[in-house]
Each structure stands twice: as C-alpha cells, then as structure tokens.
Amino acid sequence: MSRPGFALKVDEHTPQLLTLAGDRVRLQRFPIGTEVIYTPQPVASSDPVALVEGALANPVDSAPLKKLLRPSMKLTLMVGNVDPVQPRMRFDIRRTILERVLEHAARARVDDVAIVVAGGLGPRWGGQDIVEVLGDRVATSFLPEGRIISHDVTAEDLVTVATPSGEPIRVDARIAESDLVVSVDICHGPREPMSFAVGATDEATINRTSGFDGSDSARREVATAIHGAIPIFSVTAVLGQPYLGRQLSFMNHCEWEWRLPEQVAYATARQFVSLMPRQGTQKLYAAPRADYELCDVIGGDPAQVAVRAAEVWRAANTVAAPQTGILLTSVWGSSFDPGDPVGSPVNAAHQALCDAGTDAEHSFLRNEGVLVAFHPLSRIFPNRNLAPAADFFTKVLPVTKEPAEIRERFERQVLDDDWYLNLYRNHNAWHPLAVFHAWYEIRRAATRLADVIWVGADRETARILGQRAATTLDDALELAWQITGDREPATYLHGPGRILGEPR
C-alpha cells in the first residue's frame, strides 16, 4: 500500500474537501480544527496468481489443497457472497481463485465438481451474474450442465448437518454430500467472513443468528458446527480500498494532490450531472467499477482463515485518532446499493451507523456522541429487488421503530408472503428478512448515540427513521453542539472506502 491512512487537522490552508451524499459529489469547507480521517491510498490491483497459489500450497492448519484431492471424490466449490463488494470489482478475484482450484482438481482427475453461490439473504445469482463474476470459462463449463447453483435459503430439500443447542442447521444437499468443500470468499471489512453460517444455511438458522437476537458468537457456533460436519478448505482474499476508474479518479487522491486529470474528472462529473441530473447520475454513479489492492490471500482451516483475514484487513485499514463527540461521514449510494446511485434510506442509515467506523469497540465516536451523515434520504425505491425494503419503510417504520415489536408483529407476515419469496427465488431480489436484520443492526448501533443528523436530507424521511435532518453542515453542527454541550471540533471520515478506528 503506497500510503497508510492518516488523520489531518483542518487549518486555514486546508482546501475544500470532497463529500459524497447519495448521488451528489461536492467540495465542502470544513471548520478549522476538524479532524479528517483519510483511508489508505487506493492502488490498482496486481496479478493475484502467486498469492492464490501460495495460499493453496501453504495453508493454515491444513494439508495443501492438492493433497486433499482424489479422483473419486465429490468436490464442491462454494462462492461466498453474503457481503457483496461495493463498488463492484473491475476483475473479481474470486474468478482467479476458482480457476486455480479447478486446475488443481483437473490435474487430480476429479470429475464430480459443482459450484454453489452462497449469498444468504442477498439476491440469488442469475446467468449474467455468474458470467460477470466467475467468467465465461467457468460459466460455459458448468452452467449448461446445471452444475452452478445459487443457494436458496427457503428451499425445502436442504439437509440437516448439525443440531447445536437443539436447533437444526440445514444446508444445500450438494454441500452436505460433498467429500470436500472449497470455500472461496472475500474479506473487505473488519468482521470475520462467515459465509457458511449466514450464506449457505437455511432461513431459520440465518434469522436465529443474524436477526433480532443475532450475535457474532451465535454465528461462530453455527460455523463451528458446520466445519465439524463437513470437510472444508477455505480460501479468502483480503481487499484494500477501492481504486476508481478515470471518470471518478478524483476520489483516489487527497484534494491537494489533484492534478489536471483529477480536476478535469471532478469538473466533468459535476457538469454532466447538472446538465442531465437523472441520466448523468445513473451513468456515473449507478454501477461504478473499481480495482482493489490484494492485501493477502489466506487458505486452510475455515475458522483460522476467517480470523486471520479479519486481522489482515484491520491491520491495513485502521487509523489511530482521538475519539470525538461528533462524527461526520459521507454516505455514497454506490457503496451499498448496486444500480441505484442514491440507495434506499434504510440502507443509507445502515451504511452510516454500522459500516462507517461507528462500531462500539473500534469507533471514532464516543458513547452518547452525535453522528452527522451526508445523504439526501430519498424515498424513491426504483428497483423491484428493493420491494421488501420499500414496504418496510412505508408500512412498518411509521407504525413502530422498536425491534422487539417489529419482530413480533411483522416478521411472520413477510415470511408467509409468497410474493416477496417469489421475488427472492426467481427475480434477483433480496430476501424480505434482510431489511429487518439491517434495521435491528441500525437500532443496536443507535442505542449508544445521542442523535443522528442528516445533512441535506428529506425531513420526513429522517423523521420516519427516528432521526433528524439539517439543511447545511453548519446547521447540523449547531444542532450537534447543542446536544453535546460544547463546541468541540468534529471528526470527518473521508472517502468512499471502509475504515476502522483505533481510539487514542
């Protein structure tokens, strides 16, 4: 990585700084004394083959992959997609890992091979998704014969593989019957990847471990039970920050480092969007692609790989800074809702409260602080795959915002709704439980904060979320200072990538 993340204190010489708000990109003047947290500088990706082969040949707490393969075995490759990378990868590292594993399998004369995409409550992959992520080579070899399956958490033919605490854990039959499962996953955040526990199991297990009563310990219990029942070799790639293409290249650099190409890209983006607001934002921000530096590839025992992958990500993406009572953050639609440059207000709130450095243990924001987020909170839900989120926002939140009441009154309704489930099974939509789980996380994160204020947001939308809106940053800071009781400087999280705090 060319430069680690760092903290900058705004003074009279600091230029205007970039802010991202849904589909809006602008330069903003910040008050003197504001602490600005820059993510590590993104760099273009490099050839991953050597790292992938190293992970397969020198795994953690496991024999090398080639020693686990034999001609008569049933081999399944599970592709984790529980937490999709946004912005999307220009070239998906999972393709390279999959191809290298398949080459080893071919040399070992393994001829019973299938692929299962484990997305949990996320949209199930269709043919276009498979080609886009896994490539023509894999798609043309496996799709025509039906050997690529997108896991359905509601399927009736799932197989019970373990019953910890008396609760059955059910997985896809192909996974349950395999002599070896090679799990291919990505780590691009501080949490340990647990694609088996929350991506390849059944609806009830996912709801039990990630819903109202969900916890990391519950997910680890499920993961451990699955690992004990099924032979698994895990391969996880750890990603750095997104390196955006030429049209958005200004996001890759500090503002004082902008040269003519970055200045032109910023000016062009602003002008393009101002002249054609709808078409411009859709073209520039709906589905941007990015390169990601490959920090490491780790193979071996799935539990050890998950822990080490999270450790590598944290080491590469943690910035030391003092805790603050007021934290400012951009909320960019392209970071959480593919195809929608603004994104749903519930997902925007989840991005701000759960993914923007507000984790209680590694947070830039102290308890009873105020979170200030830049986002318009539009109430438009243009994509059919967001239908459950749209109905949750318009029909559930106006009635109650309390997680316990929501679970009691509304969860069962969506689980019995054939229309929602049909959208999930057949039309690339999110499972209806996903928005409930997102809201439970939002409320857990909000319980330790004094307030959440949205800059430039729709006031009625903010009210429905149980939060507040302000017209400008100055207005938001005045409100925040009234809540905290003093005029201490705020901290601003800069850039589109994820970052973790190390309070000092």
Protein backbone atom coordinates (compact mmCIF):
# COMPACT_ATOMS: atom_id res chain seq x y z
CA MET A 1 0.00 0.00 0.00
CA SER A 2 1.56 3.27 -1.09
CA ARG A 3 0.38 5.32 1.90
CA PRO A 4 -1.41 4.25 5.10
CA GLY A 5 -4.46 6.02 6.42
CA PHE A 6 -3.87 9.17 8.46
CA ALA A 7 -5.59 11.98 10.34
CA LEU A 8 -5.38 15.61 9.17
CA LYS A 9 -6.40 18.63 11.24
CA VAL A 10 -8.11 21.35 9.18
CA ASP A 11 -6.43 24.77 9.31
CA GLU A 12 -6.69 27.98 7.33
CA HIS A 13 -4.65 26.48 4.47
CA THR A 14 -6.74 23.32 4.05
CA PRO A 15 -8.67 23.30 0.74
CA GLN A 16 -12.31 22.40 0.40
CA LEU A 17 -12.78 18.66 0.91
CA LEU A 18 -14.76 16.12 -1.07
CA THR A 19 -18.11 14.93 0.30
CA LEU A 20 -20.29 12.16 -1.13
CA ALA A 21 -24.04 12.15 -0.49
CA GLY A 22 -26.09 9.59 -2.37
CA ASP A 23 -25.50 10.67 -5.98
CA ARG A 24 -24.18 14.10 -5.03
CA VAL A 25 -20.47 14.90 -5.09
CA ARG A 26 -19.25 18.32 -3.97
CA LEU A 27 -16.41 20.20 -2.31
CA GLN A 28 -17.19 21.36 1.21
CA ARG A 29 -15.42 23.83 3.50
CA PHE A 30 -14.96 22.32 6.97
CA PRO A 31 -14.49 24.29 10.21
CA ILE A 32 -10.94 24.88 11.43
CA GLY A 33 -9.94 22.17 13.90
CA THR A 34 -11.95 19.40 12.22
CA GLU A 35 -10.04 16.10 12.28
CA VAL A 36 -10.20 14.47 8.84
CA ILE A 37 -9.61 10.69 8.64
CA TYR A 38 -8.22 9.61 5.26
CA THR A 39 -8.36 5.97 4.26
CA PRO A 40 -5.19 4.30 3.00
CA GLN A 41 -4.46 5.49 -0.52
CA PRO A 42 -6.02 3.07 -3.01
CA VAL A 43 -3.80 1.48 -5.63
CA ALA A 44 -4.53 -0.57 -8.72
CA SER A 45 -4.72 -4.34 -8.36
CA SER A 46 -1.83 -6.60 -9.35
CA ASP A 47 -1.50 -10.17 -10.65
CA PRO A 48 -3.02 -12.35 -7.90
CA VAL A 49 -1.89 -15.79 -9.11
CA ALA A 50 1.22 -16.05 -6.92
CA LEU A 51 -0.72 -15.17 -3.75
CA VAL A 52 -3.52 -17.60 -4.63
CA GLU A 53 -1.11 -20.46 -5.32
CA GLY A 54 0.75 -19.69 -2.11
CA ALA A 55 -2.50 -19.94 -0.13
CA LEU A 56 -3.34 -23.30 -1.72
CA ALA A 57 0.15 -24.73 -1.21
CA ASN A 58 0.88 -23.33 2.28
CA PRO A 59 -2.43 -23.27 4.14
CA VAL A 60 -3.15 -22.58 7.81
CA ASP A 61 -3.81 -25.71 9.92
CA SER A 62 -4.47 -27.87 6.87
CA ALA A 63 -2.76 -30.05 4.33
CA PRO A 64 -2.13 -28.38 0.94
CA LEU A 65 -5.15 -28.48 -1.35
CA LYS A 66 -3.59 -30.87 -3.87
CA LYS A 67 -3.15 -33.49 -1.13
CA LEU A 68 -6.86 -33.29 -0.30
CA LEU A 69 -7.99 -34.04 -3.86
CA ARG A 70 -8.55 -37.54 -5.24
CA PRO A 71 -10.19 -38.84 -8.45
CA SER A 72 -13.30 -40.48 -6.97
CA MET A 73 -14.34 -37.62 -4.70
CA LYS A 74 -17.34 -35.29 -4.85
CA LEU A 75 -15.90 -31.74 -4.83
CA THR A 76 -17.99 -28.60 -4.30
CA LEU A 77 -16.72 -25.04 -4.64
CA MET A 78 -18.72 -22.60 -2.53
CA VAL A 79 -18.53 -18.94 -3.60
CA GLY A 80 -19.31 -16.59 -0.69
CA ASN A 81 -21.40 -13.52 -1.49
CA VAL A 82 -23.00 -12.56 1.83
CA ASP A 83 -21.44 -9.08 1.92
CA PRO A 84 -21.07 -8.03 -1.76
CA VAL A 85 -18.15 -5.74 -2.54
CA GLN A 86 -19.30 -2.22 -3.47
CA PRO A 87 -18.26 -0.59 -5.73
CA ARG A 88 -18.01 -3.82 -7.69
CA MET A 89 -14.62 -5.23 -8.57
CA ARG A 90 -13.42 -4.50 -12.09
CA PHE A 91 -11.95 -8.01 -12.12
CA ASP A 92 -13.31 -10.32 -9.44
CA ILE A 93 -10.56 -12.09 -7.50
CA ARG A 94 -12.93 -15.00 -6.83
CA ARG A 95 -12.66 -15.90 -10.52
CA THR A 96 -8.90 -16.38 -10.27
CA ILE A 97 -9.19 -18.45 -7.09
CA LEU A 98 -11.91 -20.61 -8.62
CA GLU A 99 -9.93 -21.20 -11.81
CA ARG A 100 -6.79 -22.19 -9.89
CA VAL A 101 -8.74 -24.62 -7.70
CA LEU A 102 -10.38 -26.14 -10.78
CA GLU A 103 -6.99 -26.58 -12.44
CA HIS A 104 -5.71 -28.46 -9.38
CA ALA A 105 -8.88 -30.59 -9.43
CA ALA A 106 -8.39 -31.38 -13.11
CA ARG A 107 -4.79 -32.46 -12.52
CA ALA A 108 -6.02 -34.73 -9.70
CA ARG A 109 -8.64 -36.15 -12.11
CA VAL A 110 -11.59 -35.05 -10.00
CA ASP A 111 -14.58 -35.18 -12.35
CA ASP A 112 -17.54 -34.67 -9.97
CA VAL A 113 -17.36 -30.92 -9.38
CA ALA A 114 -20.13 -28.38 -8.73
CA ILE A 115 -20.30 -24.74 -7.66
CA VAL A 116 -22.69 -23.29 -5.06
CA VAL A 117 -23.07 -19.50 -4.69
CA ALA A 118 -23.79 -18.74 -1.02
CA GLY A 119 -25.45 -15.34 -0.79
CA GLY A 120 -27.70 -15.91 2.21
CA LEU A 121 -30.49 -13.32 2.23
CA GLY A 122 -28.93 -11.44 -0.70
CA PRO A 123 -30.14 -11.64 -4.31
CA ARG A 124 -29.68 -15.05 -5.91
CA TRP A 125 -27.40 -15.04 -8.95
CA GLY A 126 -28.70 -15.47 -12.46
CA GLY A 127 -26.69 -16.39 -15.54
CA GLN A 128 -25.48 -12.83 -16.12
CA ASP A 129 -24.14 -12.55 -12.56
CA ILE A 130 -22.33 -15.86 -12.91
CA VAL A 131 -20.68 -14.83 -16.19
CA GLU A 132 -19.79 -11.40 -14.81
CA VAL A 133 -18.15 -12.68 -11.62
CA LEU A 134 -16.85 -16.12 -12.50
CA GLY A 135 -16.11 -15.53 -16.18
CA ASP A 136 -17.01 -17.18 -19.47
CA ARG A 137 -14.63 -20.08 -18.94
CA VAL A 138 -16.33 -21.28 -15.75
CA ALA A 139 -19.84 -20.38 -16.91
CA THR A 140 -19.63 -22.26 -20.22
CA SER A 141 -18.20 -25.33 -18.48
CA PHE A 142 -20.70 -25.55 -15.62
CA LEU A 143 -23.91 -23.67 -16.45
CA PRO A 144 -25.18 -25.83 -19.36
CA GLU A 145 -24.99 -28.95 -17.18
CA GLY A 146 -26.68 -27.30 -14.19
CA ARG A 147 -23.57 -27.56 -12.03
CA ILE A 148 -23.75 -23.97 -10.74
CA ILE A 149 -26.37 -23.49 -8.02
CA SER A 150 -27.35 -20.23 -6.36
CA HIS A 151 -28.25 -21.23 -2.82
CA ASP A 152 -31.91 -20.78 -1.86
CA VAL A 153 -32.34 -20.31 1.90
CA THR A 154 -36.05 -21.22 1.56
CA ALA A 155 -35.56 -24.48 -0.38
CA GLU A 156 -37.44 -27.48 1.01
CA ASP A 157 -34.73 -30.02 0.19
CA LEU A 158 -32.00 -28.58 2.42
CA VAL A 159 -30.22 -31.20 4.55
CA THR A 160 -29.66 -31.07 8.33
CA VAL A 161 -25.95 -31.42 9.12
CA ALA A 162 -25.85 -30.44 12.81
CA THR A 163 -28.14 -29.54 15.74
CA PRO A 164 -26.19 -27.42 18.25
CA SER A 165 -28.37 -26.34 21.20
CA GLY A 166 -31.14 -28.50 19.69
CA GLU A 167 -31.64 -26.21 16.68
CA PRO A 168 -31.20 -27.84 13.23
CA ILE A 169 -28.71 -26.34 10.79
CA ARG A 170 -29.67 -27.10 7.20
CA VAL A 171 -27.50 -26.61 4.11
CA ASP A 172 -27.71 -27.33 0.40
CA ALA A 173 -27.77 -31.07 -0.32
CA ARG A 174 -24.77 -30.82 -2.63
CA ILE A 175 -22.68 -29.27 0.16
CA ALA A 176 -23.87 -31.82 2.72
CA GLU A 177 -22.95 -34.77 0.46
CA SER A 178 -19.51 -33.47 -0.60
CA ASP A 179 -16.24 -35.20 0.26
CA LEU A 180 -14.62 -31.76 0.23
CA VAL A 181 -15.95 -28.20 0.04
CA VAL A 182 -13.58 -25.44 -1.05
CA SER A 183 -14.95 -22.14 0.24
CA VAL A 184 -13.94 -19.10 -1.86
CA ASP A 185 -14.62 -15.79 -0.15
CA ILE A 186 -13.62 -12.14 0.22
CA CYS A 187 -12.83 -10.08 3.32
CA HIS A 188 -13.32 -6.34 2.78
CA GLY A 189 -14.32 -5.21 6.25
CA PRO A 190 -13.48 -5.72 9.94
CA ARG A 191 -15.80 -8.68 10.53
CA GLU A 192 -14.72 -12.28 10.13
CA PRO A 193 -16.20 -13.76 6.92
CA MET A 194 -18.78 -16.40 7.86
CA SER A 195 -20.31 -17.35 4.54
CA PHE A 196 -21.25 -20.84 5.68
CA ALA A 197 -23.13 -19.66 8.76
CA VAL A 198 -25.06 -16.81 7.11
CA GLY A 199 -24.79 -17.63 3.41
CA ALA A 200 -25.20 -21.38 2.90
CA THR A 201 -27.70 -22.28 5.64
CA ASP A 202 -31.49 -22.12 5.90
CA GLU A 203 -33.80 -19.20 6.57
CA ALA A 204 -34.42 -20.16 10.20
CA THR A 205 -30.72 -20.52 11.03
CA ILE A 206 -29.86 -17.17 9.47
CA ASN A 207 -32.72 -15.47 11.29
CA ARG A 208 -31.66 -17.08 14.58
CA THR A 209 -28.02 -16.00 14.29
CA SER A 210 -28.27 -12.66 12.44
CA GLY A 211 -31.74 -11.37 13.31
CA PHE A 212 -33.19 -9.82 16.44
CA ASP A 213 -31.11 -11.98 18.81
CA GLY A 214 -28.18 -12.37 16.42
CA SER A 215 -24.56 -12.12 17.52
CA ASP A 216 -21.06 -12.97 16.37
CA SER A 217 -20.91 -15.74 18.97
CA ALA A 218 -24.11 -17.33 17.60
CA ARG A 219 -22.74 -17.22 14.07
CA ARG A 220 -19.44 -18.72 15.20
CA GLU A 221 -21.32 -21.55 16.94
CA VAL A 222 -23.13 -22.37 13.68
CA ALA A 223 -19.92 -22.07 11.66
CA THR A 224 -18.08 -24.38 14.06
CA ALA A 225 -20.87 -26.97 13.88
CA ILE A 226 -20.80 -26.94 10.06
CA HIS A 227 -17.00 -27.16 9.98
CA GLY A 228 -17.21 -30.20 12.24
CA ALA A 229 -19.74 -31.93 9.99
CA ILE A 230 -18.32 -31.16 6.53
CA PRO A 231 -14.68 -31.26 5.31
CA ILE A 232 -13.89 -27.67 4.29
CA PHE A 233 -10.83 -25.97 2.83
CA SER A 234 -11.24 -22.20 2.91
CA VAL A 235 -9.60 -19.60 0.64
CA THR A 236 -10.21 -15.92 1.43
CA ALA A 237 -8.86 -12.85 -0.37
CA VAL A 238 -8.37 -9.69 1.71
CA LEU A 239 -9.05 -6.47 -0.20
CA GLY A 240 -7.81 -2.92 0.29
CA GLN A 241 -9.51 0.34 -0.69
CA PRO A 242 -11.43 0.87 -3.97
CA TYR A 243 -9.37 2.39 -6.80
CA LEU A 244 -11.93 4.01 -9.09
CA GLY A 245 -11.67 4.46 -12.84
CA ARG A 246 -10.85 7.55 -14.90
CA GLN A 247 -14.29 9.21 -14.63
CA LEU A 248 -14.12 9.13 -10.83
CA SER A 249 -10.34 9.27 -10.42
CA PHE A 250 -10.56 12.34 -8.17
CA MET A 251 -11.82 10.06 -5.38
CA ASN A 252 -8.48 8.21 -5.35
CA HIS A 253 -6.39 11.17 -4.14
CA CYS A 254 -6.26 13.81 -1.42
CA GLU A 255 -7.67 17.12 -2.64
CA TRP A 256 -4.31 18.94 -2.52
CA GLU A 257 -2.83 16.18 -4.71
CA TRP A 258 -5.33 16.68 -7.53
CA ARG A 259 -3.57 17.32 -10.81
CA LEU A 260 -5.16 18.26 -14.11
CA PRO A 261 -6.71 14.78 -14.79
CA GLU A 262 -8.40 14.71 -11.37
CA GLN A 263 -9.54 18.33 -11.64
CA VAL A 264 -10.99 17.69 -15.09
CA ALA A 265 -12.70 14.48 -13.91
CA TYR A 266 -14.33 16.28 -10.98
CA ALA A 267 -15.45 19.26 -13.07
CA THR A 268 -16.78 16.99 -15.81
CA ALA A 269 -18.71 14.86 -13.33
CA ARG A 270 -20.29 17.93 -11.74
CA GLN A 271 -21.21 19.48 -15.09
CA PHE A 272 -22.50 16.22 -16.53
CA VAL A 273 -24.82 15.68 -13.57
CA SER A 274 -26.02 19.29 -13.51
CA LEU A 275 -26.94 19.21 -17.22
CA MET A 276 -28.60 15.77 -17.12
CA PRO A 277 -29.40 15.04 -13.45
CA ARG A 278 -31.11 11.67 -13.88
CA GLN A 279 -29.08 10.32 -16.81
CA GLY A 280 -25.84 11.78 -15.50
CA THR A 281 -26.06 10.29 -12.02
CA GLN A 282 -27.20 6.95 -13.41
CA LYS A 283 -24.26 6.78 -15.84
CA LEU A 284 -21.58 7.92 -13.38
CA TYR A 285 -22.68 6.53 -10.03
CA ALA A 286 -25.18 3.69 -10.54
CA ALA A 287 -22.66 0.90 -11.05
CA PRO A 288 -19.06 2.14 -10.98
CA ARG A 289 -16.23 -0.40 -11.06
CA ALA A 290 -13.06 -0.31 -9.01
CA ASP A 291 -9.77 -2.11 -8.70
CA TYR A 292 -8.84 -3.30 -5.22
CA GLU A 293 -5.38 -3.87 -3.87
CA LEU A 294 -4.98 -7.50 -2.84
CA CYS A 295 -3.63 -7.35 0.71
CA ASP A 296 -3.36 -11.12 1.10
CA VAL A 297 -4.88 -14.50 0.19
CA ILE A 298 -5.20 -16.99 3.06
CA GLY A 299 -6.06 -20.68 2.75
CA GLY A 300 -6.66 -23.56 5.10
CA ASP A 301 -8.86 -24.31 8.11
CA PRO A 302 -12.01 -22.15 7.76
CA ALA A 303 -12.08 -20.87 11.35
CA GLN A 304 -8.40 -19.89 11.28
CA VAL A 305 -8.72 -18.33 7.83
CA ALA A 306 -11.67 -16.16 8.92
CA VAL A 307 -9.79 -14.86 11.98
CA ARG A 308 -6.57 -14.16 10.08
CA ALA A 309 -8.35 -12.48 7.17
CA ALA A 310 -10.09 -10.06 9.55
CA GLU A 311 -6.78 -9.37 11.30
CA VAL A 312 -5.06 -8.58 7.99
CA TRP A 313 -7.88 -6.23 6.95
CA ARG A 314 -7.80 -4.40 10.28
CA ALA A 315 -4.02 -4.02 10.17
CA ALA A 316 -4.22 -2.48 6.70
CA ASN A 317 -7.26 -0.25 7.24
CA THR A 318 -7.12 1.03 10.82
CA VAL A 319 -6.30 4.67 11.59
CA ALA A 320 -5.38 5.93 15.06
CA ALA A 321 -7.22 9.10 16.06
CA PRO A 322 -8.74 10.60 19.21
CA GLN A 323 -12.38 9.79 19.88
CA THR A 324 -14.82 12.59 19.19
CA GLY A 325 -18.29 13.61 20.31
CA ILE A 326 -19.31 14.49 16.72
CA LEU A 327 -18.53 12.23 13.76
CA LEU A 328 -19.18 13.30 10.16
CA THR A 329 -19.44 10.76 7.36
CA SER A 330 -20.30 10.62 3.68
CA VAL A 331 -22.92 8.07 2.60
CA TRP A 332 -22.48 7.23 -1.09
CA GLY A 333 -25.18 5.13 -2.77
CA SER A 334 -22.66 3.25 -4.89
CA SER A 335 -21.15 1.85 -1.69
CA PHE A 336 -24.21 -0.20 -0.76
CA ASP A 337 -26.95 -0.39 -3.43
CA PRO A 338 -25.72 -1.56 -6.85
CA GLY A 339 -27.61 0.00 -9.75
CA ASP A 340 -29.10 2.75 -7.55
CA PRO A 341 -26.86 5.84 -7.18
CA VAL A 342 -28.83 7.11 -4.16
CA GLY A 343 -29.89 3.91 -2.43
CA SER A 344 -32.71 3.20 -0.03
CA PRO A 345 -32.92 5.27 3.17
CA VAL A 346 -32.73 2.14 5.35
CA ASN A 347 -29.55 1.01 3.61
CA ALA A 348 -28.18 4.55 3.84
CA ALA A 349 -28.78 4.50 7.59
CA HIS A 350 -27.12 1.09 7.84
CA GLN A 351 -24.09 2.36 5.93
CA ALA A 352 -23.77 5.38 8.22
CA LEU A 353 -24.37 3.67 11.56
CA CYS A 354 -22.94 0.20 11.01
CA ASP A 355 -20.24 0.47 8.32
CA ALA A 356 -18.75 3.94 8.82
CA GLY A 357 -16.43 3.47 11.77
CA THR A 358 -19.10 3.63 14.48
CA ASP A 359 -18.53 0.10 15.82
CA ALA A 360 -18.54 0.40 19.62
CA GLU A 361 -15.17 -1.30 20.11
CA HIS A 362 -13.30 0.39 17.25
CA SER A 363 -15.05 3.71 16.91
CA PHE A 364 -14.02 7.28 16.23
CA LEU A 365 -17.25 8.32 18.00
CA ARG A 366 -17.56 8.02 21.76
CA ASN A 367 -20.70 6.92 23.58
CA GLU A 368 -23.52 9.48 23.64
CA GLY A 369 -21.94 11.24 20.67
CA VAL A 370 -23.68 12.60 17.58
CA LEU A 371 -23.38 11.14 14.09
CA VAL A 372 -23.75 13.59 11.19
CA ALA A 373 -24.21 11.98 7.76
CA PHE A 374 -24.33 13.45 4.24
CA HIS A 375 -27.18 11.89 2.25
CA PRO A 376 -30.50 13.09 0.70
CA LEU A 377 -32.58 10.19 2.13
CA SER A 378 -34.74 9.99 -0.96
CA ARG A 379 -37.87 7.87 -0.56
CA ILE A 380 -37.73 6.53 -4.11
CA PHE A 381 -37.24 2.77 -4.43
CA PRO A 382 -36.75 2.29 -8.17
CA ASN A 383 -35.64 -1.35 -8.17
CA ARG A 384 -38.01 -4.27 -7.75
CA ASN A 385 -35.34 -6.09 -5.75
CA LEU A 386 -35.82 -3.40 -3.05
CA ALA A 387 -39.60 -4.02 -2.78
CA PRO A 388 -39.35 -5.52 0.75
CA ALA A 389 -37.29 -2.52 1.88
CA ALA A 390 -39.80 -0.10 0.35
CA ASP A 391 -42.72 -1.75 2.14
CA PHE A 392 -40.77 -1.92 5.39
CA PHE A 393 -40.09 1.80 5.19
CA THR A 394 -43.65 2.82 4.27
CA LYS A 395 -45.68 0.27 6.26
CA VAL A 396 -43.61 -0.80 9.27
CA LEU A 397 -41.48 2.15 10.44
CA PRO A 398 -44.40 4.63 10.56
CA VAL A 399 -46.10 2.20 12.99
CA THR A 400 -43.14 1.37 15.22
CA LYS A 401 -39.37 1.59 15.24
CA GLU A 402 -38.82 -0.79 18.14
CA PRO A 403 -37.09 -4.03 17.06
CA ALA A 404 -38.93 -6.25 19.55
CA GLU A 405 -42.33 -5.04 18.38
CA ILE A 406 -41.31 -5.25 14.73
CA ARG A 407 -40.22 -8.86 15.17
CA GLU A 408 -43.42 -9.75 16.99
CA ARG A 409 -45.87 -8.01 14.64
CA PHE A 410 -44.30 -8.03 11.18
CA GLU A 411 -41.62 -10.72 10.70
CA ARG A 412 -44.04 -13.62 10.36
CA GLN A 413 -46.09 -11.71 7.78
CA VAL A 414 -43.19 -11.34 5.36
CA LEU A 415 -42.04 -14.92 5.88
CA ASP A 416 -45.51 -16.09 4.79
CA ASP A 417 -45.78 -13.69 1.85
CA ASP A 418 -45.48 -15.68 -1.38
CA TRP A 419 -44.92 -12.55 -3.49
CA TYR A 420 -41.82 -11.49 -1.53
CA LEU A 421 -40.45 -15.02 -1.56
CA ASN A 422 -41.07 -15.36 -5.30
CA LEU A 423 -39.12 -12.15 -5.90
CA TYR A 424 -36.24 -13.59 -3.90
CA ARG A 425 -36.30 -17.02 -5.53
CA ASN A 426 -36.82 -16.01 -9.13
CA HIS A 427 -36.28 -12.27 -9.67
CA ASN A 428 -32.92 -11.31 -8.17
CA ALA A 429 -34.47 -9.61 -5.12
CA TRP A 430 -33.32 -9.51 -1.52
CA HIS A 431 -34.99 -11.92 0.88
CA PRO A 432 -37.62 -9.95 2.88
CA LEU A 433 -35.82 -10.69 6.16
CA ALA A 434 -32.75 -8.75 5.01
CA VAL A 435 -34.25 -5.33 5.69
CA PHE A 436 -35.43 -6.47 9.15
CA HIS A 437 -31.90 -7.60 10.02
CA ALA A 438 -30.47 -4.31 8.73
CA TRP A 439 -32.90 -2.36 10.93
CA TYR A 440 -32.06 -4.39 14.03
CA GLU A 441 -28.36 -3.56 13.49
CA ILE A 442 -29.19 0.11 12.94
CA ARG A 443 -31.11 0.32 16.20
CA ARG A 444 -28.38 -1.52 18.15
CA ALA A 445 -25.81 0.96 16.83
CA ALA A 446 -28.06 3.94 17.56
CA THR A 447 -28.61 2.99 21.21
CA ARG A 448 -25.15 4.24 22.18
CA LEU A 449 -25.53 7.56 20.31
CA ALA A 450 -27.23 10.75 21.45
CA ASP A 451 -28.58 11.53 17.96
CA VAL A 452 -28.18 11.11 14.20
CA ILE A 453 -28.41 14.16 11.93
CA TRP A 454 -28.61 14.04 8.12
CA VAL A 455 -27.24 16.94 6.07
CA GLY A 456 -29.36 17.86 3.02
CA ALA A 457 -31.88 15.11 3.73
CA ASP A 458 -35.63 14.87 3.31
CA ARG A 459 -37.00 15.82 6.72
CA GLU A 460 -39.97 13.46 6.65
CA THR A 461 -37.71 10.52 5.77
CA ALA A 462 -35.39 11.38 8.64
CA ARG A 463 -38.39 11.60 10.96
CA ILE A 464 -39.62 8.15 9.89
CA LEU A 465 -36.15 6.79 10.71
CA GLY A 466 -36.41 8.41 14.15
CA GLN A 467 -33.59 10.84 13.32
CA ARG A 468 -33.17 14.49 12.29
CA ALA A 469 -32.32 16.48 9.18
CA ALA A 470 -30.40 19.73 8.69
CA THR A 471 -30.11 21.88 5.58
CA THR A 472 -26.37 22.55 5.75
CA LEU A 473 -23.31 21.29 7.58
CA ASP A 474 -23.25 24.45 9.69
CA ASP A 475 -26.86 23.83 10.77
CA ALA A 476 -26.05 20.22 11.62
CA LEU A 477 -23.03 21.23 13.70
CA GLU A 478 -25.08 23.78 15.63
CA LEU A 479 -27.62 21.08 16.47
CA ALA A 480 -24.84 18.67 17.45
CA TRP A 481 -23.14 21.23 19.68
CA GLN A 482 -26.43 21.86 21.48
CA ILE A 483 -26.65 18.12 22.20
CA THR A 484 -23.02 17.60 23.30
CA GLY A 485 -22.95 20.81 25.33
CA ASP A 486 -19.70 22.20 23.95
CA ARG A 487 -18.24 23.33 20.61
CA GLU A 488 -15.56 20.67 20.31
CA PRO A 489 -14.16 20.01 16.80
CA ALA A 490 -15.76 17.21 14.82
CA THR A 491 -14.09 14.30 13.01
CA TYR A 492 -14.82 13.66 9.33
CA LEU A 493 -14.44 10.22 7.68
CA HIS A 494 -13.17 10.98 4.19
CA GLY A 495 -13.61 8.88 1.06
CA PRO A 496 -15.78 6.03 -0.20
CA GLY A 497 -13.89 3.11 1.37
CA ARG A 498 -14.32 1.37 4.72
CA ILE A 499 -12.09 2.35 7.63
CA LEU A 500 -11.72 1.30 11.26
CA GLY A 501 -10.80 3.46 14.22
CA GLU A 502 -8.16 2.91 16.88
CA PRO A 503 -9.03 5.39 19.65
CA ARG A 504 -6.10 7.23 21.21
